[in-house]
N, C-alpha and C. Protein backbone atom coordinates (compact mmCIF):
# COMPACT_ATOMS: atom_id res chain seq x y z
N MET A 1 127.46 69.77 55.88
CA MET A 1 127.68 71.22 55.89
C MET A 1 127.75 71.70 54.45
N LYS A 2 126.91 72.67 54.14
CA LYS A 2 126.92 73.25 52.80
C LYS A 2 128.15 74.14 52.64
N GLY A 3 128.56 74.33 51.39
CA GLY A 3 129.72 75.17 51.12
C GLY A 3 129.57 76.58 51.64
N HIS A 4 128.38 77.14 51.52
CA HIS A 4 128.09 78.49 52.01
C HIS A 4 128.31 78.57 53.52
N ASP A 5 127.79 77.59 54.25
CA ASP A 5 127.94 77.58 55.71
C ASP A 5 129.41 77.38 56.11
N ALA A 6 130.11 76.54 55.37
CA ALA A 6 131.53 76.32 55.65
C ALA A 6 132.33 77.59 55.41
N ALA A 7 132.04 78.28 54.31
CA ALA A 7 132.75 79.53 54.01
C ALA A 7 132.50 80.57 55.09
N ALA A 8 131.26 80.71 55.53
CA ALA A 8 130.94 81.68 56.58
C ALA A 8 131.65 81.32 57.88
N LEU A 9 131.66 80.05 58.21
CA LEU A 9 132.31 79.60 59.45
C LEU A 9 133.82 79.86 59.40
N VAL A 10 134.46 79.56 58.29
CA VAL A 10 135.91 79.79 58.17
C VAL A 10 136.21 81.29 58.24
N LEU A 11 135.43 82.09 57.55
CA LEU A 11 135.65 83.53 57.57
C LEU A 11 135.44 84.10 58.98
N ARG A 12 134.37 83.67 59.64
CA ARG A 12 134.12 84.14 61.01
C ARG A 12 135.21 83.68 61.97
N ALA A 13 135.67 82.44 61.82
CA ALA A 13 136.71 81.89 62.72
C ALA A 13 138.07 82.53 62.48
N THR A 14 138.25 83.16 61.35
CA THR A 14 139.50 83.85 61.03
C THR A 14 139.42 85.32 61.44
N LEU A 15 138.39 85.99 60.99
CA LEU A 15 138.25 87.43 61.18
C LEU A 15 137.92 87.80 62.63
N GLY A 16 136.99 87.09 63.24
CA GLY A 16 136.55 87.44 64.59
C GLY A 16 137.66 87.39 65.64
N PRO A 17 138.36 86.26 65.78
CA PRO A 17 139.44 86.21 66.78
C PRO A 17 140.57 87.20 66.49
N MET A 18 140.85 87.44 65.21
CA MET A 18 141.90 88.40 64.86
C MET A 18 141.52 89.80 65.33
N LEU A 19 140.28 90.21 65.10
CA LEU A 19 139.83 91.52 65.57
C LEU A 19 139.88 91.60 67.09
N PHE A 20 139.39 90.55 67.75
CA PHE A 20 139.43 90.54 69.22
C PHE A 20 140.86 90.69 69.73
N ALA A 21 141.78 89.95 69.14
CA ALA A 21 143.18 90.01 69.57
C ALA A 21 143.77 91.41 69.39
N HIS A 22 143.43 92.07 68.31
CA HIS A 22 143.93 93.43 68.09
C HIS A 22 143.36 94.39 69.14
N GLY A 23 142.10 94.23 69.48
CA GLY A 23 141.51 95.06 70.53
C GLY A 23 142.12 94.77 71.88
N TRP A 24 142.31 93.50 72.18
CA TRP A 24 142.92 93.10 73.45
C TRP A 24 144.34 93.64 73.56
N ASN A 25 145.06 93.62 72.48
CA ASN A 25 146.43 94.13 72.48
C ASN A 25 146.47 95.63 72.81
N LYS A 26 145.44 96.37 72.40
CA LYS A 26 145.38 97.79 72.73
C LYS A 26 145.24 98.00 74.24
N VAL A 27 144.63 97.05 74.92
CA VAL A 27 144.42 97.14 76.36
C VAL A 27 145.56 96.51 77.15
N ALA A 28 145.95 95.31 76.75
CA ALA A 28 146.88 94.51 77.57
C ALA A 28 148.21 94.21 76.89
N GLY A 29 148.45 94.80 75.72
CA GLY A 29 149.72 94.59 75.04
C GLY A 29 150.86 95.29 75.76
N PRO A 30 152.04 95.28 75.18
CA PRO A 30 153.22 95.85 75.84
C PRO A 30 153.04 97.26 76.37
N GLY A 31 152.38 98.13 75.64
CA GLY A 31 152.18 99.51 76.10
C GLY A 31 150.88 99.73 76.84
N GLY A 32 149.99 98.73 76.77
CA GLY A 32 148.69 98.85 77.41
C GLY A 32 147.90 100.04 76.89
N LEU A 33 146.87 100.40 77.64
CA LEU A 33 146.04 101.54 77.24
C LEU A 33 146.83 102.84 77.23
N LYS A 34 147.82 102.94 78.10
CA LYS A 34 148.64 104.16 78.11
C LYS A 34 149.38 104.31 76.78
N GLY A 35 149.97 103.23 76.30
CA GLY A 35 150.66 103.27 75.01
C GLY A 35 149.72 103.53 73.86
N THR A 36 148.54 102.90 73.89
CA THR A 36 147.54 103.11 72.84
C THR A 36 147.07 104.56 72.86
N THR A 37 146.88 105.10 74.05
CA THR A 37 146.47 106.50 74.17
C THR A 37 147.53 107.42 73.57
N GLY A 38 148.79 107.18 73.85
CA GLY A 38 149.87 107.97 73.28
C GLY A 38 149.91 107.87 71.76
N TRP A 39 149.71 106.68 71.26
CA TRP A 39 149.68 106.46 69.81
C TRP A 39 148.53 107.24 69.18
N PHE A 40 147.34 107.15 69.78
CA PHE A 40 146.18 107.84 69.24
C PHE A 40 146.35 109.36 69.34
N GLU A 41 147.00 109.82 70.39
CA GLU A 41 147.31 111.25 70.52
C GLU A 41 148.19 111.70 69.35
N ALA A 42 149.23 110.90 69.07
CA ALA A 42 150.14 111.22 67.96
C ALA A 42 149.42 111.19 66.61
N LEU A 43 148.42 110.33 66.48
CA LEU A 43 147.65 110.26 65.23
C LEU A 43 146.73 111.46 65.06
N GLY A 44 146.36 112.10 66.17
CA GLY A 44 145.48 113.26 66.09
C GLY A 44 144.04 112.98 66.48
N LEU A 45 143.78 111.84 67.14
CA LEU A 45 142.43 111.54 67.61
C LEU A 45 142.25 112.15 68.99
N ARG A 46 141.28 113.08 69.12
CA ARG A 46 141.08 113.80 70.36
C ARG A 46 139.67 113.55 70.90
N PRO A 47 139.50 113.29 72.17
CA PRO A 47 140.51 113.01 73.17
C PRO A 47 141.04 111.58 73.03
N ALA A 48 142.33 111.46 73.04
CA ALA A 48 142.99 110.19 72.74
C ALA A 48 142.61 109.07 73.70
N ALA A 49 142.49 109.37 74.98
CA ALA A 49 142.16 108.32 75.97
C ALA A 49 140.79 107.71 75.68
N VAL A 50 139.85 108.54 75.29
CA VAL A 50 138.51 108.04 74.94
C VAL A 50 138.59 107.17 73.70
N HIS A 51 139.33 107.62 72.70
CA HIS A 51 139.42 106.87 71.45
C HIS A 51 140.18 105.55 71.63
N ALA A 52 141.17 105.53 72.49
CA ALA A 52 141.90 104.28 72.75
C ALA A 52 140.96 103.24 73.34
N ARG A 53 140.17 103.65 74.29
CA ARG A 53 139.21 102.73 74.92
C ARG A 53 138.11 102.33 73.94
N MET A 54 137.60 103.31 73.21
CA MET A 54 136.53 103.04 72.26
C MET A 54 136.99 102.09 71.15
N ALA A 55 138.19 102.31 70.63
CA ALA A 55 138.70 101.44 69.57
C ALA A 55 138.91 100.03 70.09
N ALA A 56 139.52 99.91 71.28
CA ALA A 56 139.77 98.58 71.85
C ALA A 56 138.46 97.85 72.11
N GLY A 57 137.51 98.54 72.73
CA GLY A 57 136.22 97.91 73.03
C GLY A 57 135.45 97.52 71.79
N THR A 58 135.46 98.39 70.79
CA THR A 58 134.74 98.10 69.55
C THR A 58 135.39 96.94 68.82
N GLU A 59 136.71 96.91 68.80
CA GLU A 59 137.41 95.80 68.13
C GLU A 59 137.10 94.47 68.82
N MET A 60 137.13 94.47 70.15
CA MET A 60 136.85 93.22 70.86
C MET A 60 135.39 92.81 70.68
N ALA A 61 134.46 93.76 70.80
CA ALA A 61 133.04 93.42 70.64
C ALA A 61 132.74 92.95 69.21
N ALA A 62 133.28 93.63 68.22
CA ALA A 62 133.08 93.20 66.83
C ALA A 62 133.67 91.82 66.61
N GLY A 63 134.84 91.57 67.18
CA GLY A 63 135.48 90.26 67.04
C GLY A 63 134.63 89.14 67.62
N VAL A 64 134.08 89.38 68.82
CA VAL A 64 133.22 88.37 69.45
C VAL A 64 131.95 88.18 68.63
N GLY A 65 131.33 89.29 68.20
CA GLY A 65 130.10 89.19 67.41
C GLY A 65 130.32 88.43 66.11
N ILE A 66 131.43 88.71 65.45
CA ILE A 66 131.74 88.01 64.20
C ILE A 66 132.04 86.54 64.47
N ALA A 67 132.86 86.25 65.47
CA ALA A 67 133.22 84.86 65.77
C ALA A 67 131.98 84.02 66.11
N LEU A 68 131.07 84.59 66.89
CA LEU A 68 129.86 83.86 67.27
C LEU A 68 128.80 83.86 66.17
N GLY A 69 128.95 84.76 65.22
CA GLY A 69 127.95 84.86 64.16
C GLY A 69 126.67 85.50 64.66
N ALA A 70 126.81 86.63 65.36
CA ALA A 70 125.66 87.30 65.97
C ALA A 70 125.41 88.66 65.34
N ALA A 71 124.13 88.97 65.12
CA ALA A 71 123.66 90.30 64.75
C ALA A 71 124.22 90.83 63.44
N ASN A 72 124.40 89.96 62.45
CA ASN A 72 124.84 90.44 61.12
C ASN A 72 123.83 91.48 60.63
N PRO A 73 124.28 92.60 60.12
CA PRO A 73 125.60 93.04 59.71
C PRO A 73 126.31 94.00 60.69
N LEU A 74 125.82 94.12 61.93
CA LEU A 74 126.37 95.13 62.84
C LEU A 74 127.84 94.94 63.19
N PRO A 75 128.31 93.74 63.55
CA PRO A 75 129.75 93.61 63.82
C PRO A 75 130.61 93.89 62.58
N ALA A 76 130.09 93.54 61.42
CA ALA A 76 130.82 93.84 60.17
C ALA A 76 130.91 95.35 59.96
N ALA A 77 129.83 96.07 60.26
CA ALA A 77 129.85 97.53 60.15
C ALA A 77 130.87 98.13 61.11
N ALA A 78 130.96 97.57 62.32
CA ALA A 78 131.96 98.05 63.28
C ALA A 78 133.37 97.84 62.74
N ALA A 79 133.61 96.68 62.15
CA ALA A 79 134.93 96.41 61.58
C ALA A 79 135.25 97.38 60.44
N VAL A 80 134.27 97.65 59.59
CA VAL A 80 134.47 98.60 58.49
C VAL A 80 134.79 99.98 59.06
N GLY A 81 134.07 100.40 60.06
CA GLY A 81 134.32 101.70 60.67
C GLY A 81 135.72 101.79 61.26
N LEU A 82 136.12 100.78 61.99
CA LEU A 82 137.46 100.74 62.58
C LEU A 82 138.53 100.82 61.50
N MET A 83 138.38 100.05 60.45
CA MET A 83 139.38 100.01 59.40
C MET A 83 139.41 101.31 58.59
N THR A 84 138.25 101.95 58.45
CA THR A 84 138.20 103.22 57.74
C THR A 84 138.95 104.30 58.52
N VAL A 85 138.73 104.34 59.84
CA VAL A 85 139.45 105.31 60.68
C VAL A 85 140.95 105.01 60.64
N ALA A 86 141.31 103.75 60.74
CA ALA A 86 142.74 103.39 60.69
C ALA A 86 143.36 103.77 59.35
N ALA A 87 142.65 103.55 58.27
CA ALA A 87 143.17 103.90 56.94
C ALA A 87 143.41 105.40 56.83
N ARG A 88 142.51 106.18 57.37
CA ARG A 88 142.62 107.64 57.27
C ARG A 88 143.68 108.22 58.22
N THR A 89 143.80 107.65 59.41
CA THR A 89 144.67 108.26 60.41
C THR A 89 146.09 107.69 60.42
N ASP A 90 146.22 106.39 60.26
CA ASP A 90 147.52 105.76 60.44
C ASP A 90 148.17 105.27 59.15
N HIS A 91 147.36 104.93 58.15
CA HIS A 91 147.91 104.30 56.94
C HIS A 91 147.89 105.21 55.72
N ARG A 92 147.25 106.33 55.80
CA ARG A 92 147.10 107.24 54.66
C ARG A 92 148.46 107.76 54.19
N GLY A 93 148.62 107.73 52.87
CA GLY A 93 149.82 108.29 52.27
C GLY A 93 151.05 107.40 52.37
N LYS A 94 150.87 106.17 52.84
CA LYS A 94 152.02 105.28 53.02
C LYS A 94 152.05 104.16 51.98
N GLY A 95 151.22 104.28 50.96
CA GLY A 95 151.20 103.27 49.91
C GLY A 95 150.31 102.10 50.24
N PHE A 96 150.52 101.04 49.50
CA PHE A 96 149.67 99.85 49.60
C PHE A 96 150.15 98.87 50.67
N PHE A 97 151.43 98.52 50.67
CA PHE A 97 151.91 97.41 51.48
C PHE A 97 151.98 97.74 52.96
N VAL A 98 151.42 96.84 53.77
CA VAL A 98 151.37 97.06 55.21
C VAL A 98 152.76 97.10 55.83
N PHE A 99 153.73 96.38 55.27
CA PHE A 99 155.07 96.40 55.85
C PHE A 99 155.74 97.75 55.68
N LYS A 100 155.13 98.62 54.87
CA LYS A 100 155.60 100.00 54.74
C LYS A 100 154.61 100.96 55.39
N GLY A 101 153.70 100.42 56.18
CA GLY A 101 152.69 101.24 56.85
C GLY A 101 151.45 101.49 56.02
N GLY A 102 151.35 100.84 54.86
CA GLY A 102 150.25 101.09 53.93
C GLY A 102 148.92 100.49 54.36
N TRP A 103 147.94 100.67 53.49
CA TRP A 103 146.56 100.34 53.81
C TRP A 103 146.14 98.90 53.46
N GLU A 104 147.04 98.08 53.02
CA GLU A 104 146.74 96.71 52.59
C GLU A 104 145.93 95.95 53.64
N TYR A 105 146.41 95.91 54.87
CA TYR A 105 145.76 95.15 55.95
C TYR A 105 144.34 95.65 56.21
N VAL A 106 144.20 96.97 56.40
CA VAL A 106 142.88 97.50 56.75
C VAL A 106 141.91 97.33 55.58
N GLY A 107 142.42 97.39 54.35
CA GLY A 107 141.57 97.15 53.19
C GLY A 107 141.05 95.73 53.13
N VAL A 108 141.93 94.77 53.40
CA VAL A 108 141.52 93.36 53.38
C VAL A 108 140.53 93.07 54.51
N VAL A 109 140.78 93.59 55.71
CA VAL A 109 139.87 93.35 56.83
C VAL A 109 138.50 93.97 56.55
N GLY A 110 138.49 95.21 56.06
CA GLY A 110 137.22 95.85 55.74
C GLY A 110 136.47 95.11 54.64
N GLY A 111 137.19 94.71 53.61
CA GLY A 111 136.55 93.95 52.53
C GLY A 111 136.02 92.60 52.99
N ALA A 112 136.77 91.92 53.84
CA ALA A 112 136.32 90.63 54.37
C ALA A 112 135.06 90.81 55.23
N ALA A 113 135.00 91.90 55.98
CA ALA A 113 133.82 92.15 56.81
C ALA A 113 132.59 92.38 55.95
N VAL A 114 132.73 93.14 54.88
CA VAL A 114 131.60 93.38 53.97
C VAL A 114 131.21 92.07 53.28
N ALA A 115 132.20 91.27 52.88
CA ALA A 115 131.90 89.98 52.26
C ALA A 115 131.15 89.07 53.22
N LEU A 116 131.54 89.07 54.48
CA LEU A 116 130.85 88.25 55.48
C LEU A 116 129.42 88.74 55.67
N ALA A 117 129.22 90.06 55.68
CA ALA A 117 127.87 90.59 55.79
C ALA A 117 127.01 90.11 54.63
N ALA A 118 127.58 90.07 53.42
CA ALA A 118 126.84 89.60 52.24
C ALA A 118 126.57 88.10 52.33
N LEU A 119 127.57 87.36 52.77
CA LEU A 119 127.47 85.91 52.87
C LEU A 119 126.48 85.50 53.94
N GLY A 120 126.42 86.28 55.01
CA GLY A 120 125.61 85.92 56.18
C GLY A 120 126.42 85.01 57.09
N ASN A 121 125.96 84.85 58.30
CA ASN A 121 126.73 84.09 59.29
C ASN A 121 126.61 82.58 59.13
N GLY A 122 125.65 82.12 58.37
CA GLY A 122 125.51 80.69 58.12
C GLY A 122 124.75 79.96 59.21
N THR A 123 124.52 78.70 58.95
CA THR A 123 123.75 77.85 59.86
C THR A 123 124.44 77.66 61.20
N TYR A 124 125.77 77.55 61.17
CA TYR A 124 126.54 77.27 62.39
C TYR A 124 126.97 78.57 63.04
N SER A 125 125.97 79.30 63.53
CA SER A 125 126.20 80.61 64.14
C SER A 125 125.07 80.88 65.13
N LEU A 126 125.25 81.91 65.94
CA LEU A 126 124.19 82.32 66.85
C LEU A 126 122.97 82.79 66.05
N ASP A 127 123.21 83.55 64.99
CA ASP A 127 122.09 83.96 64.13
C ASP A 127 121.39 82.74 63.54
N GLY A 128 122.15 81.72 63.17
CA GLY A 128 121.56 80.49 62.64
C GLY A 128 120.70 79.77 63.67
N LEU A 129 121.20 79.69 64.90
CA LEU A 129 120.42 79.06 65.98
C LEU A 129 119.13 79.81 66.25
N LEU A 130 119.18 81.14 66.16
CA LEU A 130 118.00 81.96 66.41
C LEU A 130 117.13 82.13 65.17
N ARG A 131 117.55 81.47 64.09
CA ARG A 131 116.84 81.56 62.80
C ARG A 131 116.70 83.02 62.36
N ARG A 132 117.77 83.76 62.58
CA ARG A 132 117.83 85.18 62.19
C ARG A 132 118.93 85.35 61.15
N GLN A 133 118.64 84.95 59.95
CA GLN A 133 119.64 85.00 58.89
C GLN A 133 119.42 86.21 57.99
N HIS A 134 120.46 87.01 57.86
CA HIS A 134 120.45 88.14 56.92
C HIS A 134 121.66 87.98 56.03
N ALA A 135 121.43 87.91 54.74
CA ALA A 135 122.51 87.75 53.78
C ALA A 135 122.11 88.45 52.49
N GLY A 136 123.11 88.75 51.67
CA GLY A 136 122.84 89.35 50.38
C GLY A 136 123.35 90.77 50.30
N PRO A 137 122.95 91.47 49.24
CA PRO A 137 123.48 92.82 49.02
C PRO A 137 123.05 93.83 50.08
N ARG A 138 121.86 93.70 50.62
CA ARG A 138 121.40 94.69 51.62
C ARG A 138 122.27 94.70 52.88
N PRO A 139 122.53 93.54 53.52
CA PRO A 139 123.42 93.57 54.68
C PRO A 139 124.84 94.04 54.33
N ALA A 140 125.31 93.70 53.13
CA ALA A 140 126.65 94.16 52.73
C ALA A 140 126.66 95.68 52.59
N LEU A 141 125.64 96.23 51.95
CA LEU A 141 125.56 97.69 51.81
C LEU A 141 125.39 98.37 53.15
N LEU A 142 124.62 97.77 54.04
CA LEU A 142 124.46 98.32 55.39
C LEU A 142 125.80 98.33 56.14
N ALA A 143 126.52 97.22 56.09
CA ALA A 143 127.82 97.15 56.77
C ALA A 143 128.77 98.20 56.22
N ALA A 144 128.85 98.30 54.90
CA ALA A 144 129.75 99.28 54.28
C ALA A 144 129.28 100.70 54.58
N GLY A 145 128.00 100.95 54.46
CA GLY A 145 127.46 102.29 54.65
C GLY A 145 127.52 102.77 56.09
N ILE A 146 127.05 101.93 57.02
CA ILE A 146 127.07 102.31 58.43
C ILE A 146 128.51 102.47 58.92
N GLY A 147 129.37 101.55 58.53
CA GLY A 147 130.77 101.62 58.95
C GLY A 147 131.46 102.86 58.43
N THR A 148 131.29 103.15 57.15
CA THR A 148 131.94 104.30 56.54
C THR A 148 131.36 105.61 57.07
N ALA A 149 130.04 105.69 57.21
CA ALA A 149 129.41 106.90 57.73
C ALA A 149 129.81 107.16 59.18
N SER A 150 129.87 106.11 59.98
CA SER A 150 130.29 106.27 61.38
C SER A 150 131.73 106.76 61.46
N ALA A 151 132.59 106.20 60.64
CA ALA A 151 133.99 106.63 60.61
C ALA A 151 134.09 108.09 60.18
N ALA A 152 133.33 108.46 59.16
CA ALA A 152 133.37 109.85 58.67
C ALA A 152 132.91 110.82 59.76
N ALA A 153 131.86 110.45 60.49
CA ALA A 153 131.38 111.31 61.57
C ALA A 153 132.41 111.43 62.68
N LEU A 154 133.00 110.32 63.07
CA LEU A 154 134.02 110.35 64.11
C LEU A 154 135.20 111.21 63.67
N LEU A 155 135.66 111.03 62.46
CA LEU A 155 136.80 111.81 61.97
C LEU A 155 136.47 113.30 61.90
N ALA A 156 135.27 113.64 61.46
CA ALA A 156 134.88 115.05 61.37
C ALA A 156 134.85 115.70 62.75
N MET A 157 134.44 114.96 63.75
CA MET A 157 134.31 115.52 65.09
C MET A 157 135.60 115.46 65.91
N CYS A 158 136.45 114.46 65.66
CA CYS A 158 137.53 114.18 66.61
C CYS A 158 138.93 114.08 66.02
N TYR A 159 139.08 114.15 64.74
CA TYR A 159 140.40 113.99 64.13
C TYR A 159 141.03 115.36 63.95
N ARG A 160 142.06 115.61 64.73
CA ARG A 160 142.76 116.89 64.72
C ARG A 160 144.27 116.66 64.67
N PRO A 161 144.77 116.22 63.51
CA PRO A 161 146.22 115.98 63.43
C PRO A 161 146.98 117.29 63.55
N ASP A 162 148.14 117.21 64.14
CA ASP A 162 149.00 118.39 64.26
C ASP A 162 149.42 118.83 62.87
N GLU A 163 149.36 120.12 62.66
CA GLU A 163 149.78 120.67 61.37
C GLU A 163 151.14 121.30 61.53
N LYS A 164 151.89 121.33 60.42
CA LYS A 164 153.21 121.98 60.42
C LYS A 164 152.99 123.48 60.59
N PRO A 165 153.84 124.14 61.35
CA PRO A 165 153.75 125.60 61.41
C PRO A 165 153.96 126.19 60.02
N ALA A 166 153.19 127.21 59.69
CA ALA A 166 153.26 127.83 58.37
C ALA A 166 154.67 128.34 58.07
N GLY A 167 155.15 128.01 56.87
CA GLY A 167 156.44 128.50 56.42
C GLY A 167 157.63 127.76 56.99
N LYS A 168 157.39 126.71 57.78
CA LYS A 168 158.48 125.98 58.40
C LYS A 168 158.52 124.57 57.81
N PRO A 169 159.56 124.23 57.04
CA PRO A 169 159.60 122.88 56.44
C PRO A 169 159.87 121.83 57.50
N ASP A 170 159.30 120.63 57.29
CA ASP A 170 159.64 119.54 58.20
C ASP A 170 160.80 118.74 57.61
N GLU A 171 161.21 117.70 58.32
CA GLU A 171 162.38 116.92 57.93
C GLU A 171 162.23 116.29 56.55
N THR A 172 161.00 115.95 56.16
CA THR A 172 160.79 115.27 54.87
C THR A 172 160.88 116.24 53.71
N ASP A 173 160.78 117.55 53.98
CA ASP A 173 160.86 118.54 52.91
C ASP A 173 162.31 118.82 52.50
N GLN A 174 163.27 118.34 53.25
CA GLN A 174 164.67 118.69 52.98
C GLN A 174 165.38 117.62 52.21
């Protein structure tokens, strides 16, 4: 096994199952889809029920695609899109560290996805078996570009956070 193939395999075996587990948790975790829908409603994603299902499904599909090493750079682009939306809606303004609600986690996941797109899925992958290898700057730019553009479009169309009533301070202003 070449170092490149080993690196791709380790990254896929780490990132893919983690993404799948996060998507599965949105469906079958303690709050289930109802809890995820409520969370997305509070974040300002409208309609929240659609976004809860879409986020869960995309996370699980991207996780499987990354774990199997299929269709690079598309699953990486999905991961970038998911993390971009999460950074904007849930982690924005909370600093760097994830234990304070910051963007550290989503930044690392998005960066790892772009790195995997650049690295390619390697020989020990579905793409490798099908002799469909894409690696280098182009797949990395595609993953980053498609993911970020998709997130921007979704946010422009569906992100409607509640605003404070004019002239009324909230609890943090006092």
